[in-house]
Amino acid sequence: EFLKKSLMELNIVESYFADWFNNGIFVLNSECRIIYVNKEAHDLYVREEKKDPMGNDLSKVLGTFKDLKEMLGKISSPTELALRDEVYNMHIHPIGFQDDLEGAVIIMQDMTELRIKERELQGKDMLIREIHHRVKNNLQNIAAILQLQMRRTNSEEARNAFQASISRIMSIAAAQNVFSRQNIDTVRLKELLSYVLNTTLDSYKFEYQNIIAVVEGRNIEISSSQAIPVALIANEVISNSMKHGIRDAETGEIRININENESMVKMEFYDSGKSELIIDGNDEAKLGLQIVKALSTEQLGGTFTISKVTGETKAEVVFSK
């Protein structure tokens, strides 16, 4: 009769019997004594207490309480319990009212397999992050070797080629660095662009220059597969701004705006360079723009445009997330 009433009470508080299958069910009376268990609860109790559950309490599992009211006051529901090598999510449903408690139903949901899988995924996540970290270090080492080689050449053309290659390698390293600190599947775009912007400016800025560098907009997430093309695009556009726009000016500004509309991501790059916009410039400038266009269209499936807007140079890349 008490069990029947317990089930009716549970239905009132929107606990569904279908959700209980394969979970352990204990029904306690007002003195915290067990008056009903299903098979899963029986096996769990015997493993922990080494005796039959009927008429006994759950002191080893929950602790000792003088009555049901004290137990409900001290144990939150739901709560997670670790029992030996097993993990359970415990829900407590009181039967009756606060001043007239007749008992409680305790549902023990076995979470052991789920927690094991979560630990395995965490281990894999840490391994992948470590791989990204090592790739970043290796790329930085390659860039350092190229820098040593660059210092040994007297050819200005060769030095420029070295510098461009180093900058591109460091932009990929920037993406790998973000990979090592973020989610495996997605990357926060604002953080990635900020990192690339600062890294690229460090490569091209003269000591006397005061360059304001800002990334504005929402910190939307893009696919990790899009991160490296985006990093390379940002590097090329920012490098182009420094070499052919701002050049040796004492002050300048580079601004990046990020917008999203119906899963379409728009990156707008502005620089304050006063130079005339020449799309068909020298080979070095053309190569940078060709790289940006190829990455934008072929790898991101988007578009790339460049223009002059109110005295600023504006490069715009639009692609789908």
C-alpha atoms as a PDB file:
ATOM      1  CA  GLU A   1       0.000   0.000   0.000  1.00  0.00           C
ATOM      2  CA  PHE A   2       2.870   2.379   0.887  1.00  0.00           C
ATOM      3  CA  LEU A   3       4.681   1.541  -2.381  1.00  0.00           C
ATOM      4  CA  LYS A   4       1.488   2.211  -4.348  1.00  0.00           C
ATOM      5  CA  LYS A   5       1.106   5.578  -2.662  1.00  0.00           C
ATOM      6  CA  SER A   6       4.781   6.348  -3.282  1.00  0.00           C
ATOM      7  CA  LEU A   7       4.389   5.745  -7.011  1.00  0.00           C
ATOM      8  CA  MET A   8       1.271   7.913  -7.109  1.00  0.00           C
ATOM      9  CA  GLU A   9       3.090  10.736  -5.321  1.00  0.00           C
ATOM     10  CA  LEU A  10       6.015  10.486  -7.735  1.00  0.00           C
ATOM     11  CA  ASN A  11       3.655  10.763 -10.696  1.00  0.00           C
ATOM     12  CA  ILE A  12       2.318  13.996  -9.248  1.00  0.00           C
ATOM     13  CA  VAL A  13       5.838  15.523  -9.088  1.00  0.00           C
ATOM     14  CA  GLU A  14       6.383  14.516 -12.741  1.00  0.00           C
ATOM     15  CA  SER A  15       8.777  11.623 -12.136  1.00  0.00           C
ATOM     16  CA  TYR A  16       8.217   9.083 -14.859  1.00  0.00           C
ATOM     17  CA  PHE A  17       8.361   5.390 -14.168  1.00  0.00           C
ATOM     18  CA  ALA A  18       9.787   4.730 -17.634  1.00  0.00           C
ATOM     19  CA  ASP A  19      12.907   6.666 -16.597  1.00  0.00           C
ATOM     20  CA  TRP A  20      13.562   4.257 -13.715  1.00  0.00           C
ATOM     21  CA  PHE A  21      14.407   1.158 -15.721  1.00  0.00           C
ATOM     22  CA  ASN A  22      17.904  -0.115 -14.935  1.00  0.00           C
ATOM     23  CA  ASN A  23      18.109   2.300 -11.980  1.00  0.00           C
ATOM     24  CA  GLY A  24      18.150   1.265  -8.354  1.00  0.00           C
ATOM     25  CA  ILE A  25      14.957   2.154  -6.449  1.00  0.00           C
ATOM     26  CA  PHE A  26      14.809   2.320  -2.642  1.00  0.00           C
ATOM     27  CA  VAL A  27      11.611   3.164  -0.770  1.00  0.00           C
ATOM     28  CA  LEU A  28      12.147   4.356   2.829  1.00  0.00           C
ATOM     29  CA  ASN A  29       9.643   4.853   5.621  1.00  0.00           C
ATOM     30  CA  SER A  30       9.591   7.847   7.953  1.00  0.00           C
ATOM     31  CA  GLU A  31      12.362   6.281  10.098  1.00  0.00           C
ATOM     32  CA  CYS A  32      14.670   5.936   7.060  1.00  0.00           C
ATOM     33  CA  ARG A  33      14.224   2.158   7.012  1.00  0.00           C
ATOM     34  CA  ILE A  34      14.086   0.365   3.680  1.00  0.00           C
ATOM     35  CA  ILE A  35      10.679  -1.159   2.934  1.00  0.00           C
ATOM     36  CA  TYR A  36      11.107  -1.822  -0.779  1.00  0.00           C
ATOM     37  CA  VAL A  37      13.952  -2.324  -3.269  1.00  0.00           C
ATOM     38  CA  ASN A  38      14.011  -3.412  -6.879  1.00  0.00           C
ATOM     39  CA  LYS A  39      16.670  -5.831  -8.157  1.00  0.00           C
ATOM     40  CA  GLU A  40      19.226  -3.139  -9.058  1.00  0.00           C
ATOM     41  CA  ALA A  41      18.880  -1.504  -5.632  1.00  0.00           C
ATOM     42  CA  HIS A  42      19.076  -4.905  -3.901  1.00  0.00           C
ATOM     43  CA  ASP A  43      22.327  -5.799  -5.693  1.00  0.00           C
ATOM     44  CA  LEU A  44      23.808  -2.378  -4.959  1.00  0.00           C
ATOM     45  CA  TYR A  45      22.965  -2.633  -1.262  1.00  0.00           C
ATOM     46  CA  VAL A  46      24.378  -6.134  -0.920  1.00  0.00           C
ATOM     47  CA  ARG A  47      27.640  -5.036  -2.577  1.00  0.00           C
ATOM     48  CA  GLU A  48      27.994  -2.160  -0.118  1.00  0.00           C
ATOM     49  CA  GLU A  49      26.492  -3.521   3.122  1.00  0.00           C
ATOM     50  CA  LYS A  50      26.978  -7.306   2.688  1.00  0.00           C
ATOM     51  CA  LYS A  51      23.448  -7.978   3.994  1.00  0.00           C
ATOM     52  CA  ASP A  52      19.814  -7.927   2.944  1.00  0.00           C
ATOM     53  CA  PRO A  53      18.422  -4.379   2.627  1.00  0.00           C
ATOM     54  CA  MET A  54      14.875  -4.922   3.886  1.00  0.00           C
ATOM     55  CA  GLY A  55      14.327  -3.253   7.263  1.00  0.00           C
ATOM     56  CA  ASN A  56      17.803  -1.715   7.300  1.00  0.00           C
ATOM     57  CA  ASP A  57      18.969   1.813   6.513  1.00  0.00           C
ATOM     58  CA  LEU A  58      21.315   3.432   4.007  1.00  0.00           C
ATOM     59  CA  SER A  59      23.794   4.667   6.608  1.00  0.00           C
ATOM     60  CA  LYS A  60      26.879   3.458   4.726  1.00  0.00           C
ATOM     61  CA  VAL A  61      25.718   5.142   1.553  1.00  0.00           C
ATOM     62  CA  LEU A  62      24.097   8.303   2.893  1.00  0.00           C
ATOM     63  CA  GLY A  63      25.173   8.543   6.540  1.00  0.00           C
ATOM     64  CA  THR A  64      23.182   8.181   9.765  1.00  0.00           C
ATOM     65  CA  PHE A  65      20.105  10.300  10.435  1.00  0.00           C
ATOM     66  CA  LYS A  66      17.620  10.250  13.293  1.00  0.00           C
ATOM     67  CA  ASP A  67      14.662  10.606  10.946  1.00  0.00           C
ATOM     68  CA  LEU A  68      13.617  11.304   7.368  1.00  0.00           C
ATOM     69  CA  LYS A  69      13.246  15.061   7.905  1.00  0.00           C
ATOM     70  CA  GLU A  70      16.886  15.365   8.985  1.00  0.00           C
ATOM     71  CA  MET A  71      18.046  13.342   5.979  1.00  0.00           C
ATOM     72  CA  LEU A  72      16.100  15.503   3.522  1.00  0.00           C
ATOM     73  CA  GLY A  73      17.483  18.637   5.186  1.00  0.00           C
ATOM     74  CA  LYS A  74      21.113  17.573   4.860  1.00  0.00           C
ATOM     75  CA  ILE A  75      21.228  15.833   1.467  1.00  0.00           C
ATOM     76  CA  SER A  76      20.632  17.779  -1.706  1.00  0.00           C
ATOM     77  CA  SER A  77      18.891  16.173  -4.645  1.00  0.00           C
ATOM     78  CA  PRO A  78      20.095  15.336  -7.180  1.00  0.00           C
ATOM     79  CA  THR A  79      23.617  14.611  -5.986  1.00  0.00           C
ATOM     80  CA  GLU A  80      26.426  12.414  -7.225  1.00  0.00           C
ATOM     81  CA  LEU A  81      27.806   9.598  -5.086  1.00  0.00           C
ATOM     82  CA  ALA A  82      31.027   7.636  -5.521  1.00  0.00           C
ATOM     83  CA  LEU A  83      30.715   4.082  -4.178  1.00  0.00           C
ATOM     84  CA  ARG A  84      33.862   1.984  -4.539  1.00  0.00           C
ATOM     85  CA  ASP A  85      34.586   2.074  -8.287  1.00  0.00           C
ATOM     86  CA  GLU A  86      31.059   3.085  -9.212  1.00  0.00           C
ATOM     87  CA  VAL A  87      29.401   6.491  -9.599  1.00  0.00           C
ATOM     88  CA  TYR A  88      25.687   7.117  -9.064  1.00  0.00           C
ATOM     89  CA  ASN A  89      23.395  10.086  -9.586  1.00  0.00           C
ATOM     90  CA  MET A  90      20.939  10.054  -6.686  1.00  0.00           C
ATOM     91  CA  HIS A  91      17.459  11.606  -6.717  1.00  0.00           C
ATOM     92  CA  ILE A  92      15.394  11.802  -3.515  1.00  0.00           C
ATOM     93  CA  HIS A  93      11.610  12.196  -3.774  1.00  0.00           C
ATOM     94  CA  PRO A  94       9.840  12.819  -0.403  1.00  0.00           C
ATOM     95  CA  ILE A  95       6.423  11.261   0.119  1.00  0.00           C
ATOM     96  CA  GLY A  96       3.978  13.485   1.935  1.00  0.00           C
ATOM     97  CA  PHE A  97       4.357  17.047   3.172  1.00  0.00           C
ATOM     98  CA  GLN A  98       7.096  18.756   5.195  1.00  0.00           C
ATOM     99  CA  ASP A  99       5.246  18.372   8.497  1.00  0.00           C
ATOM    100  CA  ASP A 100       3.825  14.954   7.664  1.00  0.00           C
ATOM    101  CA  LEU A 101       6.547  12.974   5.859  1.00  0.00           C
ATOM    102  CA  GLU A 102       5.624   9.337   5.383  1.00  0.00           C
ATOM    103  CA  GLY A 103       8.711   8.257   3.507  1.00  0.00           C
ATOM    104  CA  ALA A 104      10.863   8.816   0.460  1.00  0.00           C
ATOM    105  CA  VAL A 105      11.799   7.171  -2.784  1.00  0.00           C
ATOM    106  CA  ILE A 106      15.517   7.185  -3.653  1.00  0.00           C
ATOM    107  CA  ILE A 107      16.499   6.543  -7.259  1.00  0.00           C
ATOM    108  CA  MET A 108      20.119   5.589  -7.927  1.00  0.00           C
ATOM    109  CA  GLN A 109      21.153   6.094 -11.558  1.00  0.00           C
ATOM    110  CA  ASP A 110      24.384   4.328 -12.487  1.00  0.00           C
ATOM    111  CA  MET A 111      26.697   6.917 -14.105  1.00  0.00           C
ATOM    112  CA  THR A 112      29.862   4.800 -13.970  1.00  0.00           C
ATOM    113  CA  GLU A 113      30.161   4.039 -17.694  1.00  0.00           C
ATOM    114  CA  LEU A 114      29.394   7.650 -18.638  1.00  0.00           C
ATOM    115  CA  ARG A 115      32.051   8.994 -16.250  1.00  0.00           C
ATOM    116  CA  ILE A 116      34.611   6.503 -17.590  1.00  0.00           C
ATOM    117  CA  LYS A 117      33.910   7.663 -21.151  1.00  0.00           C
ATOM    118  CA  GLU A 118      34.173  11.294 -20.035  1.00  0.00           C
ATOM    119  CA  ARG A 119      37.603  10.604 -18.500  1.00  0.00           C
ATOM    120  CA  GLU A 120      38.697   8.871 -21.709  1.00  0.00           C
ATOM    121  CA  LEU A 121      37.555  11.874 -23.768  1.00  0.00           C
ATOM    122  CA  GLN A 122      39.370  14.236 -21.397  1.00  0.00           C
ATOM    123  CA  GLY A 123      42.517  12.167 -21.851  1.00  0.00           C
ATOM    124  CA  LYS A 124      42.181  12.335 -25.639  1.00  0.00           C
ATOM    125  CA  ASP A 125      41.481  16.053 -25.438  1.00  0.00           C
ATOM    126  CA  MET A 126      44.660  16.605 -23.393  1.00  0.00           C
ATOM    127  CA  LEU A 127      46.648  14.528 -25.882  1.00  0.00           C
ATOM    128  CA  ILE A 128      45.348  16.531 -28.859  1.00  0.00           C
ATOM    129  CA  ARG A 129      46.087  19.802 -27.045  1.00  0.00           C
ATOM    130  CA  GLU A 130      49.622  18.605 -26.350  1.00  0.00           C
ATOM    131  CA  ILE A 131      50.079  17.713 -30.032  1.00  0.00           C
ATOM    132  CA  HIS A 132      48.935  21.210 -31.067  1.00  0.00           C
ATOM    133  CA  HIS A 133      51.310  22.704 -28.501  1.00  0.00           C
ATOM    134  CA  ARG A 134      54.244  20.718 -29.892  1.00  0.00           C
ATOM    135  CA  VAL A 135      53.345  21.600 -33.481  1.00  0.00           C
ATOM    136  CA  LYS A 136      53.329  25.265 -32.466  1.00  0.00           C
ATOM    137  CA  ASN A 137      56.782  24.883 -30.859  1.00  0.00           C
ATOM    138  CA  ASN A 138      58.134  23.146 -33.959  1.00  0.00           C
ATOM    139  CA  LEU A 139      56.784  25.896 -36.219  1.00  0.00           C
ATOM    140  CA  GLN A 140      58.393  28.524 -34.000  1.00  0.00           C
ATOM    141  CA  ASN A 141      61.696  26.647 -34.218  1.00  0.00           C
ATOM    142  CA  ILE A 142      61.448  26.608 -38.028  1.00  0.00           C
ATOM    143  CA  ALA A 143      60.730  30.355 -38.001  1.00  0.00           C
ATOM    144  CA  ALA A 144      63.760  30.929 -35.750  1.00  0.00           C
ATOM    145  CA  ILE A 145      66.008  28.993 -38.164  1.00  0.00           C
ATOM    146  CA  LEU A 146      64.708  31.055 -41.087  1.00  0.00           C
ATOM    147  CA  GLN A 147      65.400  34.237 -39.132  1.00  0.00           C
ATOM    148  CA  LEU A 148      69.014  33.148 -38.610  1.00  0.00           C
ATOM    149  CA  GLN A 149      69.316  32.450 -42.327  1.00  0.00           C
ATOM    150  CA  MET A 150      67.701  35.791 -43.180  1.00  0.00           C
ATOM    151  CA  ARG A 151      70.334  37.687 -41.167  1.00  0.00           C
ATOM    152  CA  ARG A 152      73.109  36.097 -43.208  1.00  0.00           C
ATOM    153  CA  THR A 153      71.886  37.372 -46.564  1.00  0.00           C
ATOM    154  CA  ASN A 154      72.609  40.802 -48.010  1.00  0.00           C
ATOM    155  CA  SER A 155      69.887  40.588 -50.647  1.00  0.00           C
ATOM    156  CA  GLU A 156      66.916  42.814 -49.825  1.00  0.00           C
ATOM    157  CA  GLU A 157      64.691  40.682 -52.030  1.00  0.00           C
ATOM    158  CA  ALA A 158      65.751  37.514 -50.224  1.00  0.00           C
ATOM    159  CA  ARG A 159      65.228  39.156 -46.817  1.00  0.00           C
ATOM    160  CA  ASN A 160      61.704  40.184 -47.806  1.00  0.00           C
ATOM    161  CA  ALA A 161      60.938  36.650 -48.981  1.00  0.00           C
ATOM    162  CA  PHE A 162      62.296  35.220 -45.726  1.00  0.00           C
ATOM    163  CA  GLN A 163      60.260  37.708 -43.681  1.00  0.00           C
ATOM    164  CA  ALA A 164      57.053  36.855 -45.544  1.00  0.00           C
ATOM    165  CA  SER A 165      57.628  33.116 -45.044  1.00  0.00           C
ATOM    166  CA  ILE A 166      58.403  33.587 -41.342  1.00  0.00           C
ATOM    167  CA  SER A 167      55.237  35.636 -40.886  1.00  0.00           C
ATOM    168  CA  ARG A 168      53.127  32.962 -42.584  1.00  0.00           C
ATOM    169  CA  ILE A 169      54.643  30.224 -40.430  1.00  0.00           C
ATOM    170  CA  MET A 170      54.009  32.256 -37.280  1.00  0.00           C
ATOM    171  CA  SER A 171      50.354  32.776 -38.263  1.00  0.00           C
ATOM    172  CA  ILE A 172      49.916  28.991 -38.494  1.00  0.00           C
ATOM    173  CA  ALA A 173      51.698  28.697 -35.125  1.00  0.00           C
ATOM    174  CA  ALA A 174      49.212  31.219 -33.732  1.00  0.00           C
ATOM    175  CA  ALA A 175      46.318  28.997 -34.841  1.00  0.00           C
ATOM    176  CA  GLN A 176      48.001  25.967 -33.266  1.00  0.00           C
ATOM    177  CA  ASN A 177      48.443  27.927 -30.040  1.00  0.00           C
ATOM    178  CA  VAL A 178      44.726  28.747 -29.975  1.00  0.00           C
ATOM    179  CA  PHE A 179      43.934  25.064 -30.704  1.00  0.00           C
ATOM    180  CA  SER A 180      45.965  24.039 -27.642  1.00  0.00           C
ATOM    181  CA  ARG A 181      43.830  26.242 -25.359  1.00  0.00           C
ATOM    182  CA  GLN A 182      40.335  25.901 -26.812  1.00  0.00           C
ATOM    183  CA  ASN A 183      37.746  23.355 -27.837  1.00  0.00           C
ATOM    184  CA  ILE A 184      38.936  20.692 -30.301  1.00  0.00           C
ATOM    185  CA  ASP A 185      36.116  21.255 -32.799  1.00  0.00           C
ATOM    186  CA  THR A 186      35.690  25.034 -32.726  1.00  0.00           C
ATOM    187  CA  VAL A 187      37.855  28.128 -32.323  1.00  0.00           C
ATOM    188  CA  ARG A 188      36.893  31.568 -31.008  1.00  0.00           C
ATOM    189  CA  LEU A 189      37.518  33.862 -33.948  1.00  0.00           C
ATOM    190  CA  LYS A 190      38.164  37.065 -32.018  1.00  0.00           C
ATOM    191  CA  GLU A 191      40.873  35.455 -29.934  1.00  0.00           C
ATOM    192  CA  LEU A 192      42.503  33.929 -33.021  1.00  0.00           C
ATOM    193  CA  LEU A 193      42.542  37.228 -34.946  1.00  0.00           C
ATOM    194  CA  SER A 194      43.870  39.126 -31.928  1.00  0.00           C
ATOM    195  CA  TYR A 195      46.731  36.672 -31.593  1.00  0.00           C
ATOM    196  CA  VAL A 196      47.593  36.824 -35.314  1.00  0.00           C
ATOM    197  CA  LEU A 197      47.323  40.635 -35.353  1.00  0.00           C
ATOM    198  CA  ASN A 198      49.783  41.045 -32.484  1.00  0.00           C
ATOM    199  CA  THR A 199      52.179  38.408 -33.856  1.00  0.00           C
ATOM    200  CA  THR A 200      52.225  39.936 -37.341  1.00  0.00           C
ATOM    201  CA  LEU A 201      52.686  43.481 -36.047  1.00  0.00           C
ATOM    202  CA  ASP A 202      55.681  42.333 -34.011  1.00  0.00           C
ATOM    203  CA  SER A 203      57.271  41.140 -37.255  1.00  0.00           C
ATOM    204  CA  TYR A 204      56.720  44.297 -39.329  1.00  0.00           C
ATOM    205  CA  LYS A 205      56.460  47.245 -36.945  1.00  0.00           C
ATOM    206  CA  PHE A 206      59.453  49.566 -36.522  1.00  0.00           C
ATOM    207  CA  GLU A 207      60.463  50.475 -32.980  1.00  0.00           C
ATOM    208  CA  TYR A 208      59.503  54.137 -33.450  1.00  0.00           C
ATOM    209  CA  GLN A 209      56.029  53.350 -34.777  1.00  0.00           C
ATOM    210  CA  ASN A 210      52.890  53.670 -32.695  1.00  0.00           C
ATOM    211  CA  ILE A 211      50.313  51.384 -34.313  1.00  0.00           C
ATOM    212  CA  ILE A 212      46.824  51.107 -32.797  1.00  0.00           C
ATOM    213  CA  ALA A 213      45.588  47.550 -33.343  1.00  0.00           C
ATOM    214  CA  VAL A 214      41.985  46.606 -32.497  1.00  0.00           C
ATOM    215  CA  VAL A 215      39.752  43.583 -33.057  1.00  0.00           C
ATOM    216  CA  GLU A 216      36.068  44.451 -32.657  1.00  0.00           C
ATOM    217  CA  GLY A 217      32.832  42.488 -32.782  1.00  0.00           C
ATOM    218  CA  ARG A 218      31.413  39.276 -31.367  1.00  0.00           C
ATOM    219  CA  ASN A 219      33.696  36.430 -30.361  1.00  0.00           C
ATOM    220  CA  ILE A 220      31.919  33.950 -32.603  1.00  0.00           C
ATOM    221  CA  GLU A 221      33.136  30.384 -33.038  1.00  0.00           C
ATOM    222  CA  ILE A 222      34.280  28.893 -36.324  1.00  0.00           C
ATOM    223  CA  SER A 223      35.195  25.349 -37.261  1.00  0.00           C
ATOM    224  CA  SER A 224      38.748  24.329 -36.343  1.00  0.00           C
ATOM    225  CA  SER A 225      39.242  23.357 -40.003  1.00  0.00           C
ATOM    226  CA  GLN A 226      38.697  27.026 -40.915  1.00  0.00           C
ATOM    227  CA  ALA A 227      41.143  28.387 -38.348  1.00  0.00           C
ATOM    228  CA  ILE A 228      44.390  28.007 -40.293  1.00  0.00           C
ATOM    229  CA  PRO A 229      43.031  29.538 -43.556  1.00  0.00           C
ATOM    230  CA  VAL A 230      41.618  32.425 -41.490  1.00  0.00           C
ATOM    231  CA  ALA A 231      44.945  32.899 -39.676  1.00  0.00           C
ATOM    232  CA  LEU A 232      46.847  32.946 -42.979  1.00  0.00           C
ATOM    233  CA  ILE A 233      44.366  35.413 -44.496  1.00  0.00           C
ATOM    234  CA  ALA A 234      44.695  37.730 -41.497  1.00  0.00           C
ATOM    235  CA  ASN A 235      48.484  37.527 -41.678  1.00  0.00           C
ATOM    236  CA  GLU A 236      48.562  38.397 -45.392  1.00  0.00           C
ATOM    237  CA  VAL A 237      46.149  41.319 -45.061  1.00  0.00           C
ATOM    238  CA  ILE A 238      47.895  42.763 -41.987  1.00  0.00           C
ATOM    239  CA  SER A 239      51.334  42.283 -43.584  1.00  0.00           C
ATOM    240  CA  ASN A 240      50.082  44.046 -46.702  1.00  0.00           C
ATOM    241  CA  SER A 241      48.761  46.902 -44.566  1.00  0.00           C
ATOM    242  CA  MET A 242      52.123  47.365 -42.866  1.00  0.00           C
ATOM    243  CA  LYS A 243      54.324  46.984 -45.960  1.00  0.00           C
ATOM    244  CA  HIS A 244      52.264  48.857 -48.554  1.00  0.00           C
ATOM    245  CA  GLY A 245      49.773  50.931 -46.545  1.00  0.00           C
ATOM    246  CA  ILE A 246      51.150  52.301 -43.288  1.00  0.00           C
ATOM    247  CA  ARG A 247      54.747  51.527 -44.279  1.00  0.00           C
ATOM    248  CA  ASP A 248      57.171  53.761 -42.314  1.00  0.00           C
ATOM    249  CA  ALA A 249      54.589  56.223 -40.949  1.00  0.00           C
ATOM    250  CA  GLU A 250      55.126  57.061 -37.272  1.00  0.00           C
ATOM    251  CA  THR A 251      51.480  56.391 -36.410  1.00  0.00           C
ATOM    252  CA  GLY A 252      48.809  54.191 -37.879  1.00  0.00           C
ATOM    253  CA  GLU A 253      45.769  52.092 -37.152  1.00  0.00           C
ATOM    254  CA  ILE A 254      44.717  48.574 -38.115  1.00  0.00           C
ATOM    255  CA  ARG A 255      41.177  47.599 -37.215  1.00  0.00           C
ATOM    256  CA  ILE A 256      39.386  44.274 -37.679  1.00  0.00           C
ATOM    257  CA  ASN A 257      35.590  44.027 -37.442  1.00  0.00           C
ATOM    258  CA  ILE A 258      33.846  40.671 -37.010  1.00  0.00           C
ATOM    259  CA  ASN A 259      30.172  40.209 -37.862  1.00  0.00           C
ATOM    260  CA  GLU A 260      27.854  37.243 -38.310  1.00  0.00           C
ATOM    261  CA  ASN A 261      24.521  37.139 -40.096  1.00  0.00           C
ATOM    262  CA  GLU A 262      22.600  33.906 -40.725  1.00  0.00           C
ATOM    263  CA  SER A 263      25.729  31.743 -40.340  1.00  0.00           C
ATOM    264  CA  MET A 264      27.724  33.991 -42.695  1.00  0.00           C
ATOM    265  CA  VAL A 265      30.903  35.357 -41.125  1.00  0.00           C
ATOM    266  CA  LYS A 266      32.244  38.718 -42.303  1.00  0.00           C
ATOM    267  CA  MET A 267      35.779  39.877 -41.465  1.00  0.00           C
ATOM    268  CA  GLU A 268      36.559  43.503 -42.343  1.00  0.00           C
ATOM    269  CA  PHE A 269      40.186  44.669 -42.209  1.00  0.00           C
ATOM    270  CA  TYR A 270      40.826  48.436 -42.192  1.00  0.00           C
ATOM    271  CA  ASP A 271      44.143  50.276 -42.207  1.00  0.00           C
ATOM    272  CA  SER A 272      44.908  53.967 -42.121  1.00  0.00           C
ATOM    273  CA  GLY A 273      47.551  53.814 -44.837  1.00  0.00           C
ATOM    274  CA  LYS A 274      47.489  56.843 -47.125  1.00  0.00           C
ATOM    275  CA  SER A 275      49.042  55.028 -50.072  1.00  0.00           C
ATOM    276  CA  GLU A 276      47.022  54.656 -53.225  1.00  0.00           C
ATOM    277  CA  LEU A 277      45.359  51.247 -53.563  1.00  0.00           C
ATOM    278  CA  ILE A 278      47.211  49.315 -56.261  1.00  0.00           C
ATOM    279  CA  ILE A 279      45.801  45.823 -56.707  1.00  0.00           C
ATOM    280  CA  ASP A 280      48.168  44.958 -59.568  1.00  0.00           C
ATOM    281  CA  GLY A 281      51.343  46.046 -57.780  1.00  0.00           C
ATOM    282  CA  ASN A 282      54.722  44.351 -57.548  1.00  0.00           C
ATOM    283  CA  ASP A 283      55.114  40.580 -57.430  1.00  0.00           C
ATOM    284  CA  GLU A 284      55.314  40.482 -53.627  1.00  0.00           C
ATOM    285  CA  ALA A 285      52.091  42.464 -53.170  1.00  0.00           C
ATOM    286  CA  LYS A 286      50.302  40.435 -55.851  1.00  0.00           C
ATOM    287  CA  LEU A 287      51.375  37.162 -54.225  1.00  0.00           C
ATOM    288  CA  GLY A 288      49.897  38.195 -50.875  1.00  0.00           C
ATOM    289  CA  LEU A 289      46.562  39.150 -52.430  1.00  0.00           C
ATOM    290  CA  GLN A 290      46.544  35.982 -54.532  1.00  0.00           C
ATOM    291  CA  ILE A 291      47.047  33.921 -51.362  1.00  0.00           C
ATOM    292  CA  VAL A 292      44.180  35.731 -49.621  1.00  0.00           C
ATOM    293  CA  LYS A 293      41.849  35.264 -52.603  1.00  0.00           C
ATOM    294  CA  ALA A 294      42.734  31.574 -52.963  1.00  0.00           C
ATOM    295  CA  LEU A 295      42.250  30.863 -49.258  1.00  0.00           C
ATOM    296  CA  SER A 296      38.986  32.830 -49.162  1.00  0.00           C
ATOM    297  CA  THR A 297      37.412  31.166 -52.203  1.00  0.00           C
ATOM    298  CA  GLU A 298      38.941  27.699 -52.363  1.00  0.00           C
ATOM    299  CA  GLN A 299      39.390  26.751 -48.697  1.00  0.00           C
ATOM    300  CA  LEU A 300      36.649  28.794 -47.041  1.00  0.00           C
ATOM    301  CA  GLY A 301      34.223  28.805 -49.993  1.00  0.00           C
ATOM    302  CA  GLY A 302      33.746  32.540 -49.563  1.00  0.00           C
ATOM    303  CA  THR A 303      34.594  35.859 -51.197  1.00  0.00           C
ATOM    304  CA  PHE A 304      37.352  38.457 -50.940  1.00  0.00           C
ATOM    305  CA  THR A 305      37.213  42.142 -51.927  1.00  0.00           C
ATOM    306  CA  ILE A 306      39.527  45.089 -51.361  1.00  0.00           C
ATOM    307  CA  SER A 307      38.710  48.782 -51.754  1.00  0.00           C
ATOM    308  CA  LYS A 308      39.224  52.311 -50.447  1.00  0.00           C
ATOM    309  CA  VAL A 309      36.550  53.567 -48.005  1.00  0.00           C
ATOM    310  CA  THR A 310      36.669  57.157 -46.641  1.00  0.00           C
ATOM    311  CA  GLY A 311      40.439  57.273 -46.910  1.00  0.00           C
ATOM    312  CA  GLU A 312      41.044  53.834 -45.417  1.00  0.00           C
ATOM    313  CA  THR A 313      41.937  50.609 -47.167  1.00  0.00           C
ATOM    314  CA  LYS A 314      39.280  47.958 -46.543  1.00  0.00           C
ATOM    315  CA  ALA A 315      39.702  44.244 -47.179  1.00  0.00           C
ATOM    316  CA  GLU A 316      36.602  42.100 -46.687  1.00  0.00           C
ATOM    317  CA  VAL A 317      36.346  38.325 -46.393  1.00  0.00           C
ATOM    318  CA  VAL A 318      32.934  36.627 -46.179  1.00  0.00           C
ATOM    319  CA  PHE A 319      32.425  32.912 -45.645  1.00  0.00           C
ATOM    320  CA  SER A 320      29.951  30.411 -44.207  1.00  0.00           C
ATOM    321  CA  LYS A 321      30.540  28.865 -40.783  1.00  0.00           C
END
